[in-house]
Amino acid sequence: MSREWPTIEQMRDVCQPPEIRGRKSAEHWTATLFGRSFSIYLTRIAVWLGLSANAVTGIMILCGWAAAAALLIPGVWGPLLACFLAFLQMTIDSIDGEVARWRRTTGPRGIFLDRIAHTTTESAIPFAAGLAVTLAATPHDWRWATVGGATATLVLVNKSLRDAMRLSRVQAGLDLPRDAAGARVISSSLIGKARRAADFVPLHRLYHSVEQTIVLLVAAILGALFDFNGLAVGLAVLACALPFVIVGHVTAILASSTLRGPTP
C-alpha cells in the first residue's frame, strides 16, 4: 500500500491556515515561537504512518503523564526531563490538530481527548512534585504530598472556570465566545486596567504544563546550587500564587461581556 507523502507547502496551506496561527488565546506561546515551525514535518511523518488525529492525541496524553512521572526522579534530572516532555507534549498538541485538518476529521471527540490531555497533565504535575518531595525526605514528610494534592485540585478548579463559562453560554442559548481580540471585553475600567497589568506578570498562564515544569526546573537548579530543596520551593510558589489566580480568573469572567446576553 502506497503511503501519502505530501509536500510541506501543501501541508502548511491546509494544516496551518492564518486563522489557526493567528488565534489570540488558543495558541500557546511555544507554538507561536517555534512549535509550528517544525511540527509540520512531524505531522507529515504521522500522515505517512497512517496515524489518526486521535491516535496522536493519545500519544500526547501519555507524554504529559510521563512528564509528571519524571518529577519522581531525584535531583535536577527529574525536573529537566519533565520540562523536556512538557515541551514535547505541546508540540504534539500542534500535530494532532494538523493531522485532523489534513484528514478533515476535526470533531468533538478529538477536542474531548485534547481536554483530557491538558487537564490531567496540568493537575498531575503539582501532585507528582509534592509526592517527590515527600518520598525524598527522611522520614517521609506527607505534608508536601498534601500540598501537591491541594494544588492539583485548585488547578482543576481553575481550568473548570473557562469550561463553566462556555457551558453557561450554551445553556443560555448563546453562541460560544469567539477566540479573537475584543471577544471578551471587560467593561469595568478598574478591572480592565488590572487585567492589562496582569499581562506584564502573567501569573494566570503559570499553570500550563510547560510553565509549571519551567518553574520547578529553575527552582531545582537553584536548590542544587545553593543547597536547599528546590522542588519544594517551586511547588510552594505554584501553591501560593494559585488562589490569587483563581480569584482573578473568576473576577475577569464576571466582569467581561461573555456572560451577558444580547441587548434586546
Protein backbone atom coordinates (compact mmCIF):
# COMPACT_ATOMS: atom_id res chain seq x y z
CA MET A 1 0.00 0.00 0.00
CA SER A 2 1.42 3.39 -1.03
CA ARG A 3 1.88 5.91 1.73
CA GLU A 4 0.92 9.56 1.50
CA TRP A 5 3.89 11.95 1.39
CA PRO A 6 2.64 15.48 0.60
CA THR A 7 4.94 18.46 0.26
CA ILE A 8 5.48 20.75 3.25
CA GLU A 9 3.97 23.65 1.31
CA GLN A 10 0.78 21.66 0.66
CA MET A 11 0.53 20.71 4.31
CA ARG A 12 1.11 24.26 5.57
CA ASP A 13 -1.73 25.56 3.38
CA VAL A 14 -4.17 23.02 4.85
CA CYS A 15 -2.84 22.45 8.38
CA GLN A 16 -1.62 25.92 9.35
CA PRO A 17 -4.00 28.46 7.80
CA PRO A 18 -3.86 32.08 9.05
CA GLU A 19 -6.96 31.64 11.22
CA ILE A 20 -5.14 28.90 13.15
CA ARG A 21 -1.78 30.63 13.54
CA GLY A 22 -3.47 33.93 14.37
CA ARG A 23 -5.60 32.71 17.26
CA LYS A 24 -5.21 35.13 20.16
CA SER A 25 -5.56 32.87 23.22
CA ALA A 26 -5.84 29.29 21.98
CA GLU A 27 -2.32 29.20 20.54
CA HIS A 28 0.31 28.53 23.19
CA TRP A 29 3.44 30.69 23.06
CA THR A 30 5.62 27.67 22.34
CA ALA A 31 3.69 27.05 19.12
CA THR A 32 3.99 30.70 18.10
CA LEU A 33 7.67 30.91 18.99
CA PHE A 34 8.96 27.68 17.44
CA GLY A 35 6.50 24.77 17.64
CA ARG A 36 4.64 25.35 14.38
CA SER A 37 7.91 25.82 12.52
CA PHE A 38 8.85 22.14 12.82
CA SER A 39 5.61 20.45 13.91
CA ILE A 40 4.54 20.30 10.27
CA TYR A 41 7.48 17.98 9.49
CA LEU A 42 6.37 15.60 12.24
CA THR A 43 2.78 15.91 11.01
CA ARG A 44 3.89 14.70 7.59
CA ILE A 45 5.52 11.67 9.24
CA ALA A 46 2.30 10.99 11.21
CA VAL A 47 0.30 11.16 7.97
CA TRP A 48 2.79 8.85 6.25
CA LEU A 49 2.48 6.36 9.12
CA GLY A 50 -1.30 6.44 8.77
CA LEU A 51 -1.90 7.74 12.31
CA SER A 52 -5.27 9.28 13.05
CA ALA A 53 -5.54 12.61 14.87
CA ASN A 54 -6.98 10.83 17.93
CA ALA A 55 -4.05 8.39 17.96
CA VAL A 56 -1.67 11.37 18.04
CA THR A 57 -3.69 12.86 20.89
CA GLY A 58 -3.34 9.56 22.74
CA ILE A 59 0.44 9.88 22.40
CA MET A 60 0.15 13.44 23.75
CA ILE A 61 -1.74 12.18 26.81
CA LEU A 62 0.96 9.60 27.56
CA CYS A 63 3.69 12.20 27.04
CA GLY A 64 2.04 14.52 29.57
CA TRP A 65 1.67 11.76 32.13
CA ALA A 66 5.33 10.85 31.61
CA ALA A 67 6.29 14.49 32.26
CA ALA A 68 4.55 14.37 35.64
CA ALA A 69 6.04 10.97 36.50
CA ALA A 70 9.53 12.23 35.61
CA LEU A 71 9.41 14.54 38.64
CA LEU A 72 9.81 11.45 40.82
CA ILE A 73 13.39 11.07 39.54
CA PRO A 74 15.71 12.52 42.21
CA GLY A 75 17.85 15.60 41.70
CA VAL A 76 17.75 18.04 38.81
CA TRP A 77 17.36 15.30 36.20
CA GLY A 78 13.70 14.67 37.04
CA PRO A 79 12.55 18.30 36.55
CA LEU A 80 14.78 18.57 33.47
CA LEU A 81 13.17 15.52 31.85
CA ALA A 82 9.72 16.73 32.91
CA CYS A 83 10.34 20.09 31.25
CA PHE A 84 11.53 18.43 28.03
CA LEU A 85 8.48 16.16 27.93
CA ALA A 86 6.16 19.11 28.60
CA PHE A 87 7.62 20.97 25.61
CA LEU A 88 7.27 17.79 23.56
CA GLN A 89 3.64 17.47 24.61
CA MET A 90 2.89 20.99 23.38
CA THR A 91 4.49 20.15 20.03
CA ILE A 92 2.36 17.01 19.75
CA ASP A 93 -0.62 19.20 20.64
CA SER A 94 0.00 21.06 17.39
CA ILE A 95 0.46 17.85 15.41
CA ASP A 96 -2.87 16.24 16.32
CA GLY A 97 -4.78 19.30 15.12
CA GLU A 98 -2.74 19.44 11.93
CA VAL A 99 -3.42 15.77 11.22
CA ALA A 100 -7.14 16.36 11.85
CA ARG A 101 -7.26 19.28 9.42
CA TRP A 102 -5.29 17.35 6.79
CA ARG A 103 -7.59 14.32 7.05
CA ARG A 104 -10.71 16.51 7.57
CA THR A 105 -11.54 14.60 10.75
CA THR A 106 -11.89 17.54 13.16
CA GLY A 107 -14.67 16.79 15.64
CA PRO A 108 -15.85 16.83 19.25
CA ARG A 109 -14.14 13.54 20.14
CA GLY A 110 -10.73 14.97 19.36
CA ILE A 111 -11.48 18.12 21.35
CA PHE A 112 -12.60 15.97 24.29
CA LEU A 113 -9.39 13.93 24.21
CA ASP A 114 -7.34 17.12 23.95
CA ARG A 115 -9.02 18.49 27.09
CA ILE A 116 -8.22 15.25 28.93
CA ALA A 117 -4.58 15.56 27.89
CA HIS A 118 -4.16 19.07 29.25
CA THR A 119 -6.35 18.73 32.34
CA THR A 120 -4.79 15.51 33.60
CA THR A 121 -1.22 16.63 32.90
CA GLU A 122 -1.53 20.07 34.45
CA SER A 123 -3.05 18.67 37.63
CA ALA A 124 -0.69 15.67 37.80
CA ILE A 125 2.45 17.84 37.74
CA PRO A 126 1.98 19.52 41.17
CA PHE A 127 0.68 16.25 42.62
CA ALA A 128 3.82 14.42 41.44
CA ALA A 129 6.05 17.25 42.69
CA GLY A 130 4.53 17.01 46.17
CA LEU A 131 4.90 13.24 46.19
CA ALA A 132 8.52 13.54 45.05
CA VAL A 133 9.35 15.93 47.91
CA THR A 134 7.64 13.59 50.38
CA LEU A 135 9.48 10.49 49.21
CA ALA A 136 12.84 12.29 49.21
CA ALA A 137 12.50 13.26 52.88
CA THR A 138 13.71 11.01 55.69
CA PRO A 139 11.37 10.27 57.34
CA HIS A 140 8.70 10.90 54.70
CA ASP A 141 7.01 14.26 55.18
CA TRP A 142 3.48 13.72 53.92
CA ARG A 143 2.61 17.39 54.33
CA TRP A 144 4.24 18.03 50.97
CA ALA A 145 2.11 15.37 49.31
CA THR A 146 -0.90 17.16 50.80
CA VAL A 147 0.30 20.48 49.36
CA GLY A 148 0.76 18.82 45.97
CA GLY A 149 -2.70 17.27 46.11
CA ALA A 150 -4.33 20.55 47.15
CA THR A 151 -2.52 22.42 44.37
CA ALA A 152 -3.60 19.81 41.84
CA THR A 153 -7.21 20.22 42.97
CA LEU A 154 -7.04 24.00 42.62
CA VAL A 155 -5.53 23.61 39.14
CA LEU A 156 -8.61 21.59 38.21
CA VAL A 157 -10.85 24.29 39.71
CA ASN A 158 -9.07 27.00 37.72
CA LYS A 159 -9.33 25.03 34.49
CA SER A 160 -13.03 24.34 35.09
CA LEU A 161 -13.84 28.06 35.15
CA ARG A 162 -13.40 28.56 31.41
CA ASP A 163 -15.41 25.43 30.64
CA ALA A 164 -18.12 26.56 33.06
CA MET A 165 -18.28 29.94 31.32
CA ARG A 166 -18.66 28.32 27.90
CA LEU A 167 -21.27 25.85 29.18
CA SER A 168 -23.21 28.71 30.76
CA ARG A 169 -23.46 30.45 27.40
CA VAL A 170 -24.61 27.26 25.68
CA GLN A 171 -27.30 26.61 28.31
CA ALA A 172 -28.45 30.23 27.97
CA GLY A 173 -28.88 29.75 24.23
CA LEU A 174 -25.91 31.96 23.29
CA ASP A 175 -23.10 31.29 20.86
CA LEU A 176 -19.69 30.33 22.18
CA PRO A 177 -17.33 33.30 22.59
CA ARG A 178 -15.07 33.96 19.63
CA ASP A 179 -11.34 33.45 20.04
CA ALA A 180 -10.34 36.89 18.84
CA ALA A 181 -9.21 40.21 20.16
CA GLY A 182 -12.10 42.06 21.77
CA ALA A 183 -14.21 38.93 22.16
CA ARG A 184 -14.00 39.12 25.96
CA VAL A 185 -14.12 42.84 26.70
CA ILE A 186 -14.08 43.85 30.36
CA SER A 187 -16.43 46.75 30.95
CA SER A 188 -15.10 47.88 34.32
CA SER A 189 -12.23 50.31 33.78
CA LEU A 190 -10.59 49.36 37.08
CA ILE A 191 -10.73 45.62 36.43
CA GLY A 192 -9.71 46.19 32.83
CA LYS A 193 -6.61 48.07 33.97
CA ALA A 194 -5.82 45.26 36.42
CA ARG A 195 -6.20 42.72 33.62
CA ARG A 196 -3.84 44.65 31.36
CA ALA A 197 -1.36 44.98 34.22
CA ALA A 198 -1.55 41.22 34.73
CA ASP A 199 -0.36 40.74 31.16
CA PHE A 200 3.05 42.07 32.24
CA VAL A 201 3.24 39.43 35.02
CA PRO A 202 1.05 36.67 33.57
CA LEU A 203 0.50 34.51 36.65
CA HIS A 204 -2.70 33.25 35.03
CA ARG A 205 -0.58 31.45 32.44
CA LEU A 206 1.62 29.79 35.04
CA TYR A 207 -0.38 26.58 35.31
CA HIS A 208 0.10 25.13 31.85
CA SER A 209 2.35 22.09 31.84
CA VAL A 210 5.31 23.88 30.24
CA GLU A 211 5.21 26.82 32.63
CA GLN A 212 4.85 24.62 35.72
CA THR A 213 7.81 22.47 34.75
CA ILE A 214 9.91 25.56 33.99
CA VAL A 215 9.21 26.90 37.50
CA LEU A 216 10.08 23.54 39.06
CA LEU A 217 13.24 23.16 36.95
CA VAL A 218 14.55 26.64 37.76
CA ALA A 219 13.84 26.09 41.46
CA ALA A 220 15.55 22.68 41.35
CA ILE A 221 18.66 24.15 39.68
CA LEU A 222 18.85 26.96 42.24
CA GLY A 223 18.36 24.41 45.02
CA ALA A 224 21.24 22.32 43.71
CA LEU A 225 23.48 25.39 43.52
CA PHE A 226 22.61 26.85 46.93
CA ASP A 227 21.83 23.66 48.84
CA PHE A 228 18.09 23.81 49.50
CA ASN A 229 15.14 21.71 48.37
CA GLY A 230 14.36 23.48 45.12
CA LEU A 231 11.46 21.22 44.15
CA ALA A 232 9.72 22.05 47.41
CA VAL A 233 10.25 25.78 46.87
CA GLY A 234 8.95 25.55 43.30
CA LEU A 235 5.85 23.73 44.47
CA ALA A 236 5.32 26.31 47.22
CA VAL A 237 5.47 29.11 44.62
CA LEU A 238 2.85 27.37 42.48
CA ALA A 239 0.65 26.66 45.50
CA CYS A 240 0.79 30.19 46.92
CA ALA A 241 0.08 32.02 43.65
CA LEU A 242 -2.83 29.82 42.57
CA PRO A 243 -5.58 31.18 44.90
CA PHE A 244 -4.90 34.71 43.60
CA VAL A 245 -5.06 33.42 40.02
CA ILE A 246 -8.43 31.77 40.67
CA VAL A 247 -9.88 34.92 42.25
CA GLY A 248 -8.62 36.99 39.32
CA HIS A 249 -9.98 34.48 36.80
CA VAL A 250 -13.45 34.49 38.37
CA THR A 251 -13.46 38.30 38.56
CA ALA A 252 -12.38 38.65 34.94
CA ILE A 253 -15.11 36.29 33.72
CA LEU A 254 -17.85 38.01 35.74
CA ALA A 255 -16.71 41.46 34.63
CA SER A 256 -16.39 40.57 30.95
CA SER A 257 -19.04 40.55 28.27
CA THR A 258 -19.04 36.75 27.90
CA LEU A 259 -21.77 36.12 30.50
CA ARG A 260 -24.06 38.90 29.27
CA GLY A 261 -26.92 38.13 26.95
CA PRO A 262 -27.56 40.11 23.78
CA THR A 263 -29.20 43.51 24.24
CA PRO A 264 -32.91 43.25 23.40
